[in-house]
């Protein structure tokens, strides 16, 4: 019995913790990256008002997402981990937040309103509190597991869309931000970091719960932006 468990565990670590977590939450993950809103962005048919609502909440989300990554950075076990997390944080602070503010401006939204945290809708608030709580109170592996689904899912949904960008430049520019080789490389760095810092003694059930919770909030964030708000802004039960 013990040898069977050790064999299963050796296969898990060989394939990588991140891949295991990704496969475990396949249903939620697929629903998020193929959400109707994502499909309409790809077609360029999404009404601008819906995309504007997305940016109004996403700017608020990204501020706390950056804080969560910074908390994980403070728990980095070594310089390579700190460097990878610093690049991740810089992607949010120097690229994504300014780009989101510019997208909102291009869509006719108020950038002042988008920096008022009191305007967070329930899903945005609950998702960011989950991230901040895990990253402040748990270890580096748990923190990376919490922040990874957002970064990883955006790269995965954008990459196939790069072959046929929509005519609307707003949608095309948004897709290109996440579909580039540079973004994919950064995702690879962070998934690799999770595989390394988790280690063979990781509590996979704990990491899976954290990762799955973030993935479920990703799906609910799309629902919210699209106009279908989950009651109470909390994840549904397990599939």
Protein backbone atom coordinates (compact mmCIF):
# COMPACT_ATOMS: atom_id res chain seq x y z
CA UNK A 1 0.00 0.00 0.00
CA UNK A 2 2.77 2.42 0.99
CA UNK A 3 4.73 1.59 -2.18
CA UNK A 4 1.64 2.31 -4.30
CA UNK A 5 1.22 5.71 -2.66
CA UNK A 6 4.90 6.52 -3.20
CA UNK A 7 4.60 5.50 -6.86
CA UNK A 8 1.57 7.73 -7.38
CA UNK A 9 3.33 10.63 -5.65
CA UNK A 10 6.48 10.19 -7.74
CA UNK A 11 4.41 10.39 -10.92
CA UNK A 12 2.68 13.53 -9.64
CA UNK A 13 5.94 15.35 -8.89
CA UNK A 14 7.45 14.23 -12.20
CA UNK A 15 4.58 15.81 -14.13
CA UNK A 16 4.64 18.96 -11.97
CA UNK A 17 2.31 20.24 -9.28
CA UNK A 18 1.01 23.00 -11.53
CA UNK A 19 -0.06 20.54 -14.22
CA UNK A 20 -1.79 18.40 -11.59
CA UNK A 21 -3.71 21.38 -10.21
CA UNK A 22 -4.64 22.51 -13.71
CA UNK A 23 -5.97 19.07 -14.65
CA UNK A 24 -7.90 18.69 -11.40
CA UNK A 25 -9.94 21.80 -12.10
CA UNK A 26 -10.45 21.14 -15.81
CA UNK A 27 -14.20 21.85 -15.88
CA UNK A 28 -13.94 25.26 -14.22
CA UNK A 29 -10.82 26.14 -16.18
CA UNK A 30 -12.42 25.32 -19.54
CA UNK A 31 -15.55 27.28 -18.65
CA UNK A 32 -13.44 30.34 -17.80
CA UNK A 33 -11.23 30.42 -20.90
CA UNK A 34 -14.14 29.66 -23.26
CA UNK A 35 -16.62 31.98 -21.55
CA UNK A 36 -19.19 33.62 -23.87
CA UNK A 37 -17.61 36.99 -23.12
CA UNK A 38 -14.19 35.67 -24.20
CA UNK A 39 -15.71 34.29 -27.40
CA UNK A 40 -17.31 37.66 -28.18
CA UNK A 41 -14.02 39.44 -27.55
CA UNK A 42 -12.40 37.07 -30.04
CA UNK A 43 -15.11 37.87 -32.58
CA UNK A 44 -14.98 41.60 -31.86
CA UNK A 45 -18.73 41.46 -31.25
CA UNK A 46 -18.81 42.20 -27.52
CA UNK A 47 -20.67 45.46 -26.79
CA UNK A 48 -18.19 48.10 -25.63
CA UNK A 49 -20.33 48.76 -22.53
CA UNK A 50 -19.69 45.24 -21.28
CA UNK A 51 -15.96 45.51 -21.88
CA UNK A 52 -15.98 48.86 -20.08
CA UNK A 53 -17.60 47.23 -17.03
CA UNK A 54 -14.88 44.56 -17.12
CA UNK A 55 -12.12 47.21 -16.98
CA UNK A 56 -13.88 49.19 -14.24
CA UNK A 57 -13.66 46.12 -12.00
CA UNK A 58 -10.39 44.72 -13.33
CA UNK A 59 -8.42 47.86 -12.48
CA UNK A 60 -9.62 47.54 -8.90
CA UNK A 61 -8.79 43.85 -8.94
CA UNK A 62 -5.29 44.37 -10.34
CA UNK A 63 -4.34 46.79 -7.57
CA UNK A 64 -4.93 44.09 -4.96
CA UNK A 65 -3.54 41.38 -7.25
CA UNK A 66 -0.27 43.31 -7.32
CA UNK A 67 -0.32 43.56 -3.51
CA UNK A 68 -0.87 39.80 -3.29
CA UNK A 69 2.08 39.08 -5.58
CA UNK A 70 4.22 41.45 -3.50
CA UNK A 71 3.29 39.47 -0.38
CA UNK A 72 4.40 36.25 -2.09
CA UNK A 73 7.61 37.96 -3.21
CA UNK A 74 8.35 38.70 0.45
CA UNK A 75 8.21 34.95 1.13
CA UNK A 76 10.46 33.93 -1.78
CA UNK A 77 12.90 31.24 -0.58
CA UNK A 78 15.82 32.34 -2.78
CA UNK A 79 16.95 34.92 -5.34
CA UNK A 80 15.76 33.03 -8.46
CA UNK A 81 12.26 32.83 -6.95
CA UNK A 82 12.38 36.51 -5.97
CA UNK A 83 13.50 37.49 -9.48
CA UNK A 84 10.68 35.53 -11.12
CA UNK A 85 8.07 37.02 -8.79
CA UNK A 86 9.52 40.50 -9.31
CA UNK A 87 9.11 40.10 -13.09
CA UNK A 88 5.53 38.93 -12.48
CA UNK A 89 4.82 41.94 -10.27
CA UNK A 90 6.37 44.31 -12.80
CA UNK A 91 4.13 42.87 -15.53
CA UNK A 92 1.11 43.91 -13.49
CA UNK A 93 2.37 47.31 -12.32
CA UNK A 94 4.20 48.50 -15.44
CA UNK A 95 2.15 46.86 -18.19
CA UNK A 96 -1.29 45.59 -17.24
CA UNK A 97 -2.55 48.31 -14.90
CA UNK A 98 -1.52 51.18 -17.24
CA UNK A 99 -2.95 49.25 -20.22
CA UNK A 100 -6.25 48.63 -18.41
CA UNK A 101 -6.55 52.31 -17.53
CA UNK A 102 -5.91 53.18 -21.19
CA UNK A 103 -8.44 50.62 -22.40
CA UNK A 104 -11.03 52.09 -20.06
CA UNK A 105 -10.29 55.58 -21.36
CA UNK A 106 -10.61 54.37 -24.97
CA UNK A 107 -14.00 52.88 -24.09
CA UNK A 108 -15.23 56.16 -22.62
CA UNK A 109 -15.07 55.11 -18.98
CA UNK A 110 -14.10 57.15 -15.93
CA UNK A 111 -10.60 56.28 -14.74
CA UNK A 112 -11.25 58.06 -11.43
CA UNK A 113 -14.17 55.79 -10.62
CA UNK A 114 -12.04 52.75 -11.44
CA UNK A 115 -9.60 53.56 -8.62
CA UNK A 116 -12.27 53.81 -5.91
CA UNK A 117 -12.17 50.50 -4.02
CA UNK A 118 -15.65 51.17 -2.63
CA UNK A 119 -16.93 50.44 -6.14
CA UNK A 120 -15.83 46.82 -6.01
CA UNK A 121 -18.63 44.44 -6.83
CA UNK A 122 -18.99 41.36 -4.58
CA UNK A 123 -17.04 38.98 -6.82
CA UNK A 124 -14.13 41.42 -7.15
CA UNK A 125 -14.09 41.98 -3.40
CA UNK A 126 -14.29 38.29 -2.48
CA UNK A 127 -11.69 37.26 -5.05
CA UNK A 128 -9.17 39.88 -3.91
CA UNK A 129 -9.77 39.08 -0.20
CA UNK A 130 -9.07 35.41 -0.98
CA UNK A 131 -5.80 36.33 -2.70
CA UNK A 132 -4.65 38.74 -0.01
CA UNK A 133 -5.54 36.36 2.82
CA UNK A 134 -3.70 33.37 1.33
CA UNK A 135 -0.66 35.40 0.28
CA UNK A 136 -0.38 37.17 3.63
CA UNK A 137 -0.93 34.18 5.90
CA UNK A 138 0.31 31.11 4.03
CA UNK A 139 3.62 30.03 2.53
CA UNK A 140 5.18 30.85 -0.84
CA UNK A 141 3.77 27.76 -2.60
CA UNK A 142 0.24 28.55 -1.42
CA UNK A 143 0.61 32.16 -2.53
CA UNK A 144 1.81 31.19 -6.00
CA UNK A 145 -1.07 28.68 -6.27
CA UNK A 146 -3.49 31.49 -5.44
CA UNK A 147 -2.21 34.06 -7.98
CA UNK A 148 -1.34 31.64 -10.78
CA UNK A 149 -4.82 30.86 -12.24
CA UNK A 150 -5.40 34.46 -13.29
CA UNK A 151 -2.06 34.79 -15.07
CA UNK A 152 -2.12 31.32 -16.59
CA UNK A 153 -5.72 31.36 -17.83
CA UNK A 154 -5.28 34.68 -19.64
CA UNK A 155 -2.29 33.35 -21.53
CA UNK A 156 -4.17 30.20 -22.41
CA UNK A 157 -7.28 31.98 -23.67
CA UNK A 158 -5.33 34.58 -25.68
CA UNK A 159 -2.73 32.42 -27.38
CA UNK A 160 -5.04 30.68 -29.90
CA UNK A 161 -6.76 33.98 -30.67
CA UNK A 162 -3.53 35.51 -31.98
CA UNK A 163 -3.93 33.71 -35.32
CA UNK A 164 -7.03 35.73 -36.23
CA UNK A 165 -7.32 39.00 -34.34
CA UNK A 166 -10.62 40.91 -34.46
CA UNK A 167 -10.86 44.08 -36.53
CA UNK A 168 -11.75 46.21 -33.51
CA UNK A 169 -8.34 47.51 -32.30
CA UNK A 170 -9.41 47.54 -28.64
CA UNK A 171 -10.13 43.82 -28.67
CA UNK A 172 -7.08 43.06 -30.81
CA UNK A 173 -4.76 45.02 -28.49
CA UNK A 174 -6.19 43.33 -25.41
CA UNK A 175 -5.66 39.85 -26.88
CA UNK A 176 -2.12 40.74 -27.98
CA UNK A 177 -1.18 41.78 -24.44
CA UNK A 178 -1.66 38.19 -23.25
CA UNK A 179 -0.96 36.25 -26.43
CA UNK A 180 2.68 37.26 -26.89
CA UNK A 181 5.65 34.94 -26.53
CA UNK A 182 6.96 37.11 -23.70
CA UNK A 183 3.79 36.65 -21.69
CA UNK A 184 3.86 32.91 -22.32
CA UNK A 185 7.47 32.77 -21.11
CA UNK A 186 6.50 34.54 -17.89
CA UNK A 187 3.65 32.09 -17.30
CA UNK A 188 6.17 29.28 -17.79
CA UNK A 189 8.43 30.86 -15.19
CA UNK A 190 5.69 31.08 -12.59
CA UNK A 191 4.28 27.60 -13.19
CA UNK A 192 7.84 26.30 -12.95
CA UNK A 193 8.31 28.26 -9.73
CA UNK A 194 5.22 26.62 -8.21
CA UNK A 195 6.54 23.20 -9.18
CA UNK A 196 9.84 24.00 -7.47
CA UNK A 197 8.68 25.71 -4.27
CA UNK A 198 5.89 23.20 -3.64
CA UNK A 199 8.44 20.42 -3.22
CA UNK A 200 7.76 16.76 -2.62
CA UNK A 201 6.31 17.42 0.83
CA UNK A 202 3.58 19.78 -0.37
CA UNK A 203 0.02 19.40 0.86
CA UNK A 204 -1.54 18.93 -2.58
CA UNK A 205 -5.09 18.97 -1.23
CA UNK A 206 -4.45 22.38 0.34
CA UNK A 207 -2.82 23.75 -2.82
CA UNK A 208 -5.64 22.32 -4.94
CA UNK A 209 -8.27 24.04 -2.80
CA UNK A 210 -6.45 27.37 -3.12
CA UNK A 211 -5.89 27.00 -6.88
CA UNK A 212 -9.47 25.82 -7.51
CA UNK A 213 -10.92 28.68 -5.48
CA UNK A 214 -8.99 31.21 -7.56
CA UNK A 215 -10.05 29.47 -10.78
CA UNK A 216 -13.70 29.57 -9.71
CA UNK A 217 -13.41 33.27 -8.98
CA UNK A 218 -11.90 33.74 -12.45
CA UNK A 219 -15.04 32.19 -13.94
CA UNK A 220 -17.29 34.28 -11.72
CA UNK A 221 -15.37 37.43 -12.63
CA UNK A 222 -16.23 36.81 -16.30
CA UNK A 223 -19.87 36.19 -15.32
CA UNK A 224 -19.92 39.44 -13.37
CA UNK A 225 -18.39 41.49 -16.19
CA UNK A 226 -20.78 39.89 -18.66
CA UNK A 227 -23.73 40.78 -16.44
CA UNK A 228 -24.43 37.46 -14.71
CA UNK A 229 -23.46 37.95 -11.06
CA UNK A 230 -23.06 34.89 -8.85
CA UNK A 231 -25.24 35.17 -5.68
CA UNK A 232 -23.12 36.50 -2.84
CA UNK A 233 -20.00 36.56 -5.00
CA UNK A 234 -18.73 33.24 -3.67
CA UNK A 235 -17.58 30.12 -5.50
CA UNK A 236 -20.11 27.37 -6.14
CA UNK A 237 -19.55 23.94 -4.62
CA UNK A 238 -17.10 21.48 -6.09
CA UNK A 239 -17.92 19.93 -9.46
